[in-house]
N, C-alpha and C. Protein backbone atom coordinates (compact mmCIF):
# COMPACT_ATOMS: atom_id res chain seq x y z
N MET A 1 74.79 86.09 200.99
CA MET A 1 73.80 85.12 201.45
C MET A 1 74.32 83.71 201.18
N SER A 2 74.37 82.90 202.19
CA SER A 2 74.79 81.51 202.02
C SER A 2 73.56 80.64 201.94
N ASP A 3 73.42 79.91 200.84
CA ASP A 3 72.25 79.08 200.66
C ASP A 3 72.56 77.60 200.82
N VAL A 4 73.81 77.28 201.16
CA VAL A 4 74.22 75.89 201.28
C VAL A 4 74.83 75.67 202.66
N VAL A 5 74.35 74.65 203.35
CA VAL A 5 74.95 74.27 204.62
C VAL A 5 76.07 73.28 204.29
N VAL A 6 77.30 73.65 204.61
CA VAL A 6 78.46 72.82 204.30
C VAL A 6 78.86 72.04 205.55
N LEU A 7 79.01 70.74 205.36
CA LEU A 7 79.44 69.86 206.44
C LEU A 7 80.86 69.41 206.10
N PRO A 8 81.89 70.11 206.57
CA PRO A 8 83.25 69.84 206.15
C PRO A 8 83.74 68.43 206.47
N ASP A 9 83.16 67.78 207.45
CA ASP A 9 83.60 66.43 207.81
C ASP A 9 82.77 65.34 207.14
N CYS A 10 81.85 65.71 206.28
CA CYS A 10 80.98 64.73 205.61
C CYS A 10 81.80 63.90 204.62
N LYS A 11 81.63 62.59 204.66
CA LYS A 11 82.35 61.69 203.76
C LYS A 11 81.38 60.85 202.92
N ARG A 12 80.14 61.33 202.76
CA ARG A 12 79.13 60.57 202.01
C ARG A 12 79.30 60.70 200.50
N CYS A 13 80.13 61.62 200.05
CA CYS A 13 80.44 61.72 198.63
C CYS A 13 81.91 62.12 198.51
N ASP A 14 82.39 62.23 197.28
CA ASP A 14 83.80 62.54 197.09
C ASP A 14 84.09 64.04 196.93
N LEU A 15 83.17 64.90 197.35
CA LEU A 15 83.37 66.35 197.19
C LEU A 15 84.01 67.02 198.39
N ASP A 16 84.28 66.28 199.44
CA ASP A 16 84.94 66.83 200.63
C ASP A 16 84.25 68.08 201.16
N GLY A 17 82.94 68.02 201.28
CA GLY A 17 82.20 69.14 201.84
C GLY A 17 82.01 70.30 200.88
N LYS A 18 82.23 70.10 199.59
CA LYS A 18 82.07 71.16 198.59
C LYS A 18 80.93 70.78 197.65
N PRO A 19 79.70 71.09 198.03
CA PRO A 19 78.53 70.67 197.24
C PRO A 19 78.33 71.49 195.99
N ALA A 20 77.42 71.02 195.13
CA ALA A 20 77.02 71.77 193.94
C ALA A 20 76.41 73.10 194.38
N LYS A 21 76.79 74.16 193.71
CA LYS A 21 76.36 75.51 194.09
C LYS A 21 75.08 75.92 193.37
N SER A 22 74.25 76.62 194.10
CA SER A 22 73.06 77.23 193.51
C SER A 22 73.50 78.40 192.64
N LYS A 23 72.62 78.82 191.73
CA LYS A 23 72.97 79.94 190.85
C LYS A 23 71.73 80.72 190.48
N GLY A 24 71.93 81.98 190.15
CA GLY A 24 70.84 82.79 189.66
C GLY A 24 70.71 84.11 190.37
N SER A 25 69.62 84.78 190.09
CA SER A 25 69.37 86.11 190.62
C SER A 25 68.63 86.06 191.95
N ILE A 26 69.02 86.96 192.84
CA ILE A 26 68.30 87.14 194.10
C ILE A 26 68.02 88.63 194.21
N PRO A 27 66.78 89.06 194.26
CA PRO A 27 65.57 88.25 194.23
C PRO A 27 65.32 87.73 192.82
N ALA A 28 64.54 86.67 192.74
CA ALA A 28 64.20 86.06 191.46
C ALA A 28 62.69 85.99 191.29
N THR A 29 62.24 86.06 190.07
CA THR A 29 60.82 85.90 189.76
C THR A 29 60.44 84.43 189.80
N PHE A 30 61.37 83.56 189.36
CA PHE A 30 61.11 82.13 189.29
C PHE A 30 62.17 81.37 190.08
N LEU A 31 61.73 80.37 190.85
CA LEU A 31 62.61 79.52 191.62
C LEU A 31 62.47 78.09 191.12
N PHE A 32 63.58 77.47 190.75
CA PHE A 32 63.58 76.08 190.31
C PHE A 32 64.39 75.26 191.31
N VAL A 33 63.75 74.23 191.88
CA VAL A 33 64.39 73.41 192.90
C VAL A 33 64.44 71.96 192.43
N GLY A 34 65.64 71.45 192.29
CA GLY A 34 65.82 70.05 191.95
C GLY A 34 65.99 69.22 193.21
N GLU A 35 65.95 67.92 193.06
CA GLU A 35 66.10 67.03 194.21
C GLU A 35 67.56 66.95 194.65
N ALA A 36 68.43 66.56 193.75
CA ALA A 36 69.86 66.41 194.03
C ALA A 36 70.61 66.54 192.71
N PRO A 37 71.89 66.89 192.77
CA PRO A 37 72.64 67.03 191.52
C PRO A 37 72.82 65.69 190.81
N SER A 38 72.81 65.73 189.48
CA SER A 38 73.13 64.54 188.69
C SER A 38 74.62 64.26 188.85
N PRO A 39 75.09 63.10 188.38
CA PRO A 39 76.53 62.85 188.47
C PRO A 39 77.38 63.93 187.79
N ILE A 40 76.91 64.47 186.67
CA ILE A 40 77.65 65.54 185.98
C ILE A 40 77.66 66.80 186.84
N GLU A 41 76.50 67.18 187.37
CA GLU A 41 76.41 68.37 188.22
C GLU A 41 77.24 68.18 189.48
N HIS A 42 77.22 66.97 190.02
CA HIS A 42 78.00 66.64 191.21
C HIS A 42 79.49 66.88 190.94
N LYS A 43 79.96 66.40 189.80
CA LYS A 43 81.38 66.55 189.44
C LYS A 43 81.73 68.01 189.16
N MET A 44 80.83 68.73 188.48
CA MET A 44 81.09 70.13 188.12
C MET A 44 80.81 71.09 189.27
N ARG A 45 80.12 70.60 190.30
CA ARG A 45 79.74 71.41 191.47
C ARG A 45 78.87 72.60 191.07
N ASN A 46 77.93 72.34 190.16
CA ASN A 46 77.04 73.39 189.69
C ASN A 46 75.68 72.76 189.38
N VAL A 47 74.60 73.35 189.88
CA VAL A 47 73.27 72.78 189.69
C VAL A 47 72.73 73.05 188.29
N PHE A 48 71.84 72.17 187.83
CA PHE A 48 71.15 72.31 186.54
C PHE A 48 72.11 72.51 185.37
N THR A 49 73.21 71.75 185.35
CA THR A 49 74.14 71.82 184.22
C THR A 49 74.16 70.52 183.43
N GLY A 50 73.51 69.50 183.91
CA GLY A 50 73.46 68.21 183.22
C GLY A 50 72.38 68.20 182.16
N GLN A 51 71.95 67.01 181.81
CA GLN A 51 70.93 66.82 180.77
C GLN A 51 69.62 67.52 181.13
N GLY A 52 69.21 67.41 182.38
CA GLY A 52 67.98 68.08 182.83
C GLY A 52 68.09 69.59 182.75
N GLY A 53 69.26 70.12 183.09
CA GLY A 53 69.49 71.56 183.01
C GLY A 53 69.46 72.07 181.58
N THR A 54 70.01 71.27 180.68
CA THR A 54 69.99 71.63 179.26
C THR A 54 68.54 71.71 178.76
N LEU A 55 67.74 70.73 179.12
CA LEU A 55 66.33 70.72 178.72
C LEU A 55 65.58 71.90 179.35
N LEU A 56 65.83 72.15 180.63
CA LEU A 56 65.17 73.27 181.32
C LEU A 56 65.53 74.59 180.65
N ASN A 57 66.82 74.82 180.38
CA ASN A 57 67.24 76.07 179.74
C ASN A 57 66.61 76.25 178.37
N ALA A 58 66.52 75.16 177.58
CA ALA A 58 65.88 75.25 176.26
C ALA A 58 64.40 75.59 176.41
N THR A 59 63.75 75.00 177.39
CA THR A 59 62.32 75.27 177.63
C THR A 59 62.11 76.71 178.06
N LEU A 60 62.97 77.21 178.94
CA LEU A 60 62.86 78.61 179.38
C LEU A 60 63.01 79.56 178.20
N ARG A 61 63.99 79.29 177.33
CA ARG A 61 64.17 80.14 176.14
C ARG A 61 62.93 80.09 175.25
N GLU A 62 62.39 78.88 175.06
CA GLU A 62 61.23 78.70 174.18
C GLU A 62 60.01 79.47 174.68
N ILE A 63 59.81 79.52 175.99
CA ILE A 63 58.63 80.21 176.52
C ILE A 63 58.92 81.65 176.92
N GLY A 64 60.17 82.10 176.70
CA GLY A 64 60.50 83.50 176.88
C GLY A 64 60.82 83.94 178.29
N ILE A 65 61.29 83.03 179.13
CA ILE A 65 61.69 83.41 180.49
C ILE A 65 63.20 83.60 180.51
N PRO A 66 63.67 84.83 180.77
CA PRO A 66 65.11 85.08 180.78
C PRO A 66 65.78 84.48 182.03
N GLN A 67 67.01 83.99 181.84
CA GLN A 67 67.79 83.42 182.95
C GLN A 67 67.94 84.41 184.10
N LYS A 68 68.03 85.70 183.80
CA LYS A 68 68.25 86.70 184.85
C LYS A 68 67.07 86.82 185.80
N GLU A 69 65.93 86.22 185.48
CA GLU A 69 64.77 86.23 186.37
C GLU A 69 64.63 84.94 187.16
N CYS A 70 65.64 84.06 187.09
CA CYS A 70 65.54 82.73 187.68
C CYS A 70 66.61 82.48 188.73
N TYR A 71 66.27 81.61 189.68
CA TYR A 71 67.23 81.10 190.65
C TYR A 71 67.11 79.58 190.64
N PHE A 72 68.24 78.89 190.59
CA PHE A 72 68.28 77.44 190.49
C PHE A 72 69.00 76.86 191.70
N THR A 73 68.40 75.86 192.31
CA THR A 73 69.01 75.21 193.47
C THR A 73 68.54 73.77 193.56
N ASN A 74 69.12 73.03 194.47
CA ASN A 74 68.71 71.66 194.76
C ASN A 74 68.42 71.53 196.25
N VAL A 75 67.58 70.56 196.60
CA VAL A 75 67.34 70.27 198.00
C VAL A 75 68.63 69.75 198.64
N LEU A 76 69.34 68.87 197.90
CA LEU A 76 70.62 68.34 198.36
C LEU A 76 71.75 68.90 197.53
N GLY A 77 72.88 69.20 198.15
CA GLY A 77 74.02 69.76 197.44
C GLY A 77 74.92 68.69 196.84
N CYS A 78 74.80 67.46 197.31
CA CYS A 78 75.64 66.36 196.82
C CYS A 78 74.74 65.25 196.30
N ALA A 79 75.26 64.50 195.34
CA ALA A 79 74.52 63.36 194.82
C ALA A 79 74.55 62.22 195.85
N PRO A 80 73.40 61.73 196.27
CA PRO A 80 73.40 60.65 197.26
C PRO A 80 73.95 59.35 196.67
N LYS A 81 74.59 58.57 197.51
CA LYS A 81 75.14 57.27 197.07
C LYS A 81 74.11 56.19 197.25
């Protein structure tokens, strides 16, 4: 299943059409959707890995939601300029 529309000729960021990737289980019990990747996520090409992702993961652990029941994605695959 492809969840990202890749525009290989897009020059709006420095990723050359390689956006941050969604991650998680399909099907998932919980879906988390961010707006766009942070600069760290943009560079690492992975969603919810920056400061917000760290906080979200700690919160999920605290309330007892296992990562294997979650899917993480962003509306945008690249950080807007």
